[in-house]
Amino acid sequence: MKITVDEDKCCGAGTCVLIAPDVFDQRDEDGIVVLLDESPGAELHAIVREAASVCPGVAIAVSEDA
């Protein structure tokens, strides 16, 4: 799994951080997503997929190829 984020699409809702805090964080100044782990372990794949699916800005992309 490989994760990418598009900061321009991020609206700062923070849902990804609530669901997967080991993978996502937010910048203090504006709440924009910060990717902590672009290739998380298999134990985190399900929650990363969930975070991507509920992102209101559709800012998280998940590739299963990596």
PDB file of N, CA and C in Angstrom:
ATOM      1  N   MET A   1       0.839  -1.187   0.000  1.00  0.00           N
ATOM      2  CA  MET A   1       0.000   0.000   0.000  1.00  0.00           C
ATOM      3  C   MET A   1       0.877   1.241   0.000  1.00  0.00           C
ATOM      4  N   LYS A   2       0.480   2.200  -0.819  1.00  0.00           N
ATOM      5  CA  LYS A   2       1.153   3.498  -0.836  1.00  0.00           C
ATOM      6  C   LYS A   2       0.074   4.572  -0.761  1.00  0.00           C
ATOM      7  N   ILE A   3       0.315   5.559   0.091  1.00  0.00           N
ATOM      8  CA  ILE A   3      -0.645   6.629   0.312  1.00  0.00           C
ATOM      9  C   ILE A   3      -0.061   7.939  -0.193  1.00  0.00           C
ATOM     10  N   THR A   4      -0.899   8.726  -0.845  1.00  0.00           N
ATOM     11  CA  THR A   4      -0.528  10.092  -1.201  1.00  0.00           C
ATOM     12  C   THR A   4      -1.649  11.012  -0.743  1.00  0.00           C
ATOM     13  N   VAL A   5      -1.289  12.245  -0.447  1.00  0.00           N
ATOM     14  CA  VAL A   5      -2.287  13.237  -0.066  1.00  0.00           C
ATOM     15  C   VAL A   5      -2.133  14.468  -0.951  1.00  0.00           C
ATOM     16  N   ASP A   6      -3.254  15.093  -1.247  1.00  0.00           N
ATOM     17  CA  ASP A   6      -3.277  16.325  -2.021  1.00  0.00           C
ATOM     18  C   ASP A   6      -3.657  17.452  -1.070  1.00  0.00           C
ATOM     19  N   GLU A   7      -2.656  18.201  -0.645  1.00  0.00           N
ATOM     20  CA  GLU A   7      -2.892  19.264   0.330  1.00  0.00           C
ATOM     21  C   GLU A   7      -3.864  20.317  -0.189  1.00  0.00           C
ATOM     22  N   ASP A   8      -3.895  20.517  -1.510  1.00  0.00           N
ATOM     23  CA  ASP A   8      -4.806  21.514  -2.085  1.00  0.00           C
ATOM     24  C   ASP A   8      -6.270  21.105  -1.952  1.00  0.00           C
ATOM     25  N   LYS A   9      -6.539  19.810  -1.884  1.00  0.00           N
ATOM     26  CA  LYS A   9      -7.914  19.318  -1.727  1.00  0.00           C
ATOM     27  C   LYS A   9      -8.336  19.218  -0.267  1.00  0.00           C
ATOM     28  N   CYS A  10      -7.377  19.179   0.639  1.00  0.00           N
ATOM     29  CA  CYS A  10      -7.678  18.992   2.060  1.00  0.00           C
ATOM     30  C   CYS A  10      -8.438  20.190   2.608  1.00  0.00           C
ATOM     31  N   CYS A  11      -9.543  19.919   3.300  1.00  0.00           N
ATOM     32  CA  CYS A  11     -10.344  20.984   3.910  1.00  0.00           C
ATOM     33  C   CYS A  11     -10.112  21.085   5.420  1.00  0.00           C
ATOM     34  N   GLY A  12      -9.218  20.233   5.952  1.00  0.00           N
ATOM     35  CA  GLY A  12      -8.868  20.321   7.366  1.00  0.00           C
ATOM     36  C   GLY A  12      -9.887  19.748   8.322  1.00  0.00           C
ATOM     37  N   ALA A  13     -10.742  18.859   7.854  1.00  0.00           N
ATOM     38  CA  ALA A  13     -11.773  18.281   8.715  1.00  0.00           C
ATOM     39  C   ALA A  13     -11.178  17.434   9.841  1.00  0.00           C
ATOM     40  N   GLY A  14     -10.060  16.778   9.574  1.00  0.00           N
ATOM     41  CA  GLY A  14      -9.390  15.998  10.610  1.00  0.00           C
ATOM     42  C   GLY A  14      -9.916  14.591  10.812  1.00  0.00           C
ATOM     43  N   THR A  15     -10.832  14.159   9.982  1.00  0.00           N
ATOM     44  CA  THR A  15     -11.387  12.819  10.109  1.00  0.00           C
ATOM     45  C   THR A  15     -10.299  11.760   9.980  1.00  0.00           C
ATOM     46  N   CYS A  16      -9.361  11.980   9.061  1.00  0.00           N
ATOM     47  CA  CYS A  16      -8.287  11.006   8.850  1.00  0.00           C
ATOM     48  C   CYS A  16      -7.438  10.835  10.106  1.00  0.00           C
ATOM     49  N   VAL A  17      -7.202  11.921  10.806  1.00  0.00           N
ATOM     50  CA  VAL A  17      -6.396  11.876  12.033  1.00  0.00           C
ATOM     51  C   VAL A  17      -7.136  11.112  13.130  1.00  0.00           C
ATOM     52  N   LEU A  18      -8.432  11.309  13.212  1.00  0.00           N
ATOM     53  CA  LEU A  18      -9.225  10.599  14.213  1.00  0.00           C
ATOM     54  C   LEU A  18      -9.257   9.096  13.942  1.00  0.00           C
ATOM     55  N   ILE A  19      -9.325   8.725  12.666  1.00  0.00           N
ATOM     56  CA  ILE A  19      -9.416   7.314  12.303  1.00  0.00           C
ATOM     57  C   ILE A  19      -8.052   6.628  12.337  1.00  0.00           C
ATOM     58  N   ALA A  20      -7.022   7.302  11.815  1.00  0.00           N
ATOM     59  CA  ALA A  20      -5.696   6.681  11.671  1.00  0.00           C
ATOM     60  C   ALA A  20      -4.587   7.627  12.135  1.00  0.00           C
ATOM     61  N   PRO A  21      -4.497   7.872  13.438  1.00  0.00           N
ATOM     62  CA  PRO A  21      -3.510   8.836  13.953  1.00  0.00           C
ATOM     63  C   PRO A  21      -2.058   8.404  13.786  1.00  0.00           C
ATOM     64  N   ASP A  22      -1.817   7.131  13.526  1.00  0.00           N
ATOM     65  CA  ASP A  22      -0.445   6.679  13.280  1.00  0.00           C
ATOM     66  C   ASP A  22       0.007   6.987  11.858  1.00  0.00           C
ATOM     67  N   VAL A  23      -0.939   7.337  11.001  1.00  0.00           N
ATOM     68  CA  VAL A  23      -0.630   7.566   9.593  1.00  0.00           C
ATOM     69  C   VAL A  23      -0.796   9.033   9.200  1.00  0.00           C
ATOM     70  N   PHE A  24      -1.767   9.716   9.820  1.00  0.00           N
ATOM     71  CA  PHE A  24      -2.069  11.101   9.457  1.00  0.00           C
ATOM     72  C   PHE A  24      -1.984  12.024  10.663  1.00  0.00           C
ATOM     73  N   ASP A  25      -1.603  13.267  10.387  1.00  0.00           N
ATOM     74  CA  ASP A  25      -1.626  14.339  11.384  1.00  0.00           C
ATOM     75  C   ASP A  25      -2.110  15.586  10.661  1.00  0.00           C
ATOM     76  N   GLN A  26      -2.200  16.689  11.396  1.00  0.00           N
ATOM     77  CA  GLN A  26      -2.604  17.957  10.806  1.00  0.00           C
ATOM     78  C   GLN A  26      -1.618  19.035  11.196  1.00  0.00           C
ATOM     79  N   ARG A  27      -1.388  19.984  10.269  1.00  0.00           N
ATOM     80  CA  ARG A  27      -0.535  21.130  10.577  1.00  0.00           C
ATOM     81  C   ARG A  27      -1.256  22.016  11.590  1.00  0.00           C
ATOM     82  N   ASP A  28      -0.507  22.500  12.557  1.00  0.00           N
ATOM     83  CA  ASP A  28      -1.095  23.336  13.598  1.00  0.00           C
ATOM     84  C   ASP A  28      -1.675  24.638  13.047  1.00  0.00           C
ATOM     85  N   GLU A  29      -0.993  25.223  12.065  1.00  0.00           N
ATOM     86  CA  GLU A  29      -1.391  26.552  11.607  1.00  0.00           C
ATOM     87  C   GLU A  29      -2.677  26.579  10.780  1.00  0.00           C
ATOM     88  N   ASP A  30      -2.969  25.497  10.042  1.00  0.00           N
ATOM     89  CA  ASP A  30      -4.150  25.549   9.182  1.00  0.00           C
ATOM     90  C   ASP A  30      -4.954  24.246   9.119  1.00  0.00           C
ATOM     91  N   GLY A  31      -4.520  23.210   9.816  1.00  0.00           N
ATOM     92  CA  GLY A  31      -5.265  21.965   9.861  1.00  0.00           C
ATOM     93  C   GLY A  31      -5.116  21.064   8.655  1.00  0.00           C
ATOM     94  N   ILE A  32      -4.250  21.444   7.721  1.00  0.00           N
ATOM     95  CA  ILE A  32      -4.058  20.633   6.516  1.00  0.00           C
ATOM     96  C   ILE A  32      -3.365  19.322   6.886  1.00  0.00           C
ATOM     97  N   VAL A  33      -3.747  18.259   6.200  1.00  0.00           N
ATOM     98  CA  VAL A  33      -3.246  16.916   6.477  1.00  0.00           C
ATOM     99  C   VAL A  33      -1.729  16.834   6.316  1.00  0.00           C
ATOM    100  N   VAL A  34      -1.118  16.056   7.200  1.00  0.00           N
ATOM    101  CA  VAL A  34       0.307  15.720   7.128  1.00  0.00           C
ATOM    102  C   VAL A  34       0.384  14.198   7.102  1.00  0.00           C
ATOM    103  N   LEU A  35       1.060  13.658   6.109  1.00  0.00           N
ATOM    104  CA  LEU A  35       1.214  12.207   5.980  1.00  0.00           C
ATOM    105  C   LEU A  35       2.419  11.763   6.798  1.00  0.00           C
ATOM    106  N   LEU A  36       2.182  10.944   7.806  1.00  0.00           N
ATOM    107  CA  LEU A  36       3.247  10.464   8.683  1.00  0.00           C
ATOM    108  C   LEU A  36       3.897   9.190   8.167  1.00  0.00           C
ATOM    109  N   ASP A  37       3.139   8.385   7.433  1.00  0.00           N
ATOM    110  CA  ASP A  37       3.642   7.085   6.961  1.00  0.00           C
ATOM    111  C   ASP A  37       3.019   6.780   5.613  1.00  0.00           C
ATOM    112  N   GLU A  38       3.806   6.908   4.533  1.00  0.00           N
ATOM    113  CA  GLU A  38       3.242   6.696   3.196  1.00  0.00           C
ATOM    114  C   GLU A  38       3.077   5.223   2.834  1.00  0.00           C
ATOM    115  N   SER A  39       3.730   4.343   3.593  1.00  0.00           N
ATOM    116  CA  SER A  39       3.605   2.896   3.351  1.00  0.00           C
ATOM    117  C   SER A  39       3.401   2.158   4.674  1.00  0.00           C
ATOM    118  N   PRO A  40       2.220   2.295   5.269  1.00  0.00           N
ATOM    119  CA  PRO A  40       1.981   1.672   6.577  1.00  0.00           C
ATOM    120  C   PRO A  40       1.933   0.155   6.495  1.00  0.00           C
ATOM    121  N   GLY A  41       2.132  -0.475   7.625  1.00  0.00           N
ATOM    122  CA  GLY A  41       2.067  -1.932   7.719  1.00  0.00           C
ATOM    123  C   GLY A  41       0.662  -2.449   7.449  1.00  0.00           C
ATOM    124  N   ALA A  42       0.589  -3.732   7.154  1.00  0.00           N
ATOM    125  CA  ALA A  42      -0.678  -4.376   6.799  1.00  0.00           C
ATOM    126  C   ALA A  42      -1.746  -4.212   7.872  1.00  0.00           C
ATOM    127  N   GLU A  43      -1.346  -4.112   9.131  1.00  0.00           N
ATOM    128  CA  GLU A  43      -2.316  -3.974  10.218  1.00  0.00           C
ATOM    129  C   GLU A  43      -3.071  -2.642  10.165  1.00  0.00           C
ATOM    130  N   LEU A  44      -2.558  -1.679   9.399  1.00  0.00           N
ATOM    131  CA  LEU A  44      -3.196  -0.363   9.293  1.00  0.00           C
ATOM    132  C   LEU A  44      -3.964  -0.175   7.986  1.00  0.00           C
ATOM    133  N   HIS A  45      -3.874  -1.111   7.076  1.00  0.00           N
ATOM    134  CA  HIS A  45      -4.472  -0.939   5.749  1.00  0.00           C
ATOM    135  C   HIS A  45      -5.978  -0.680   5.806  1.00  0.00           C
ATOM    136  N   ALA A  46      -6.704  -1.406   6.620  1.00  0.00           N
ATOM    137  CA  ALA A  46      -8.162  -1.244   6.686  1.00  0.00           C
ATOM    138  C   ALA A  46      -8.546   0.150   7.177  1.00  0.00           C
ATOM    139  N   ILE A  47      -7.872   0.647   8.202  1.00  0.00           N
ATOM    140  CA  ILE A  47      -8.240   1.974   8.709  1.00  0.00           C
ATOM    141  C   ILE A  47      -7.797   3.081   7.752  1.00  0.00           C
ATOM    142  N   VAL A  48      -6.711   2.867   7.029  1.00  0.00           N
ATOM    143  CA  VAL A  48      -6.288   3.856   6.030  1.00  0.00           C
ATOM    144  C   VAL A  48      -7.321   3.921   4.905  1.00  0.00           C
ATOM    145  N   ARG A  49      -7.796   2.781   4.448  1.00  0.00           N
ATOM    146  CA  ARG A  49      -8.840   2.764   3.419  1.00  0.00           C
ATOM    147  C   ARG A  49     -10.098   3.484   3.919  1.00  0.00           C
ATOM    148  N   GLU A  50     -10.444   3.255   5.176  1.00  0.00           N
ATOM    149  CA  GLU A  50     -11.608   3.929   5.753  1.00  0.00           C
ATOM    150  C   GLU A  50     -11.402   5.438   5.794  1.00  0.00           C
ATOM    151  N   ALA A  51     -10.222   5.865   6.235  1.00  0.00           N
ATOM    152  CA  ALA A  51      -9.919   7.303   6.294  1.00  0.00           C
ATOM    153  C   ALA A  51     -10.022   7.935   4.914  1.00  0.00           C
ATOM    154  N   ALA A  52      -9.508   7.259   3.906  1.00  0.00           N
ATOM    155  CA  ALA A  52      -9.583   7.781   2.537  1.00  0.00           C
ATOM    156  C   ALA A  52     -11.029   7.856   2.064  1.00  0.00           C
ATOM    157  N   SER A  53     -11.830   6.858   2.408  1.00  0.00           N
ATOM    158  CA  SER A  53     -13.208   6.805   1.917  1.00  0.00           C
ATOM    159  C   SER A  53     -14.102   7.867   2.549  1.00  0.00           C
ATOM    160  N   VAL A  54     -13.786   8.303   3.756  1.00  0.00           N
ATOM    161  CA  VAL A  54     -14.628   9.306   4.420  1.00  0.00           C
ATOM    162  C   VAL A  54     -14.068  10.724   4.328  1.00  0.00           C
ATOM    163  N   CYS A  55     -12.937  10.894   3.676  1.00  0.00           N
ATOM    164  CA  CYS A  55     -12.335  12.225   3.544  1.00  0.00           C
ATOM    165  C   CYS A  55     -13.260  13.138   2.750  1.00  0.00           C
ATOM    166  N   PRO A  56     -13.758  14.225   3.362  1.00  0.00           N
ATOM    167  CA  PRO A  56     -14.704  15.088   2.658  1.00  0.00           C
ATOM    168  C   PRO A  56     -14.091  15.826   1.469  1.00  0.00           C
ATOM    169  N   GLY A  57     -12.777  16.032   1.490  1.00  0.00           N
ATOM    170  CA  GLY A  57     -12.116  16.722   0.389  1.00  0.00           C
ATOM    171  C   GLY A  57     -11.549  15.795  -0.662  1.00  0.00           C
ATOM    172  N   VAL A  58     -11.691  14.490  -0.450  1.00  0.00           N
ATOM    173  CA  VAL A  58     -11.132  13.465  -1.339  1.00  0.00           C
ATOM    174  C   VAL A  58      -9.639  13.748  -1.567  1.00  0.00           C
ATOM    175  N   ALA A  59      -8.951  14.045  -0.466  1.00  0.00           N
ATOM    176  CA  ALA A  59      -7.544  14.424  -0.523  1.00  0.00           C
ATOM    177  C   ALA A  59      -6.583  13.252  -0.347  1.00  0.00           C
ATOM    178  N   ILE A  60      -7.103  12.085  -0.002  1.00  0.00           N
ATOM    179  CA  ILE A  60      -6.249  10.919   0.282  1.00  0.00           C
ATOM    180  C   ILE A  60      -6.419   9.893  -0.838  1.00  0.00           C
ATOM    181  N   ALA A  61      -5.290   9.505  -1.430  1.00  0.00           N
ATOM    182  CA  ALA A  61      -5.317   8.466  -2.468  1.00  0.00           C
ATOM    183  C   ALA A  61      -4.541   7.256  -1.954  1.00  0.00           C
ATOM    184  N   VAL A  62      -5.115   6.080  -2.154  1.00  0.00           N
ATOM    185  CA  VAL A  62      -4.497   4.841  -1.718  1.00  0.00           C
ATOM    186  C   VAL A  62      -4.241   3.962  -2.944  1.00  0.00           C
ATOM    187  N   SER A  63      -2.991   3.534  -3.077  1.00  0.00           N
ATOM    188  CA  SER A  63      -2.636   2.614  -4.148  1.00  0.00           C
ATOM    189  C   SER A  63      -2.266   1.288  -3.511  1.00  0.00           C
ATOM    190  N   GLU A  64      -2.832   0.222  -4.000  1.00  0.00           N
ATOM    191  CA  GLU A  64      -2.575  -1.101  -3.454  1.00  0.00           C
ATOM    192  C   GLU A  64      -1.336  -1.739  -4.083  1.00  0.00           C
ATOM    193  N   ASP A  65      -0.729  -1.097  -5.056  1.00  0.00           N
ATOM    194  CA  ASP A  65       0.378  -1.680  -5.813  1.00  0.00           C
ATOM    195  C   ASP A  65       1.690  -1.753  -5.065  1.00  0.00           C
ATOM    196  N   ALA A  66       1.937  -0.809  -4.164  1.00  0.00           N
ATOM    197  CA  ALA A  66       3.260  -0.707  -3.536  1.00  0.00           C
ATOM    198  C   ALA A  66       3.537  -1.756  -2.511  1.00  0.00           C
TER     199      ALA A  66
END
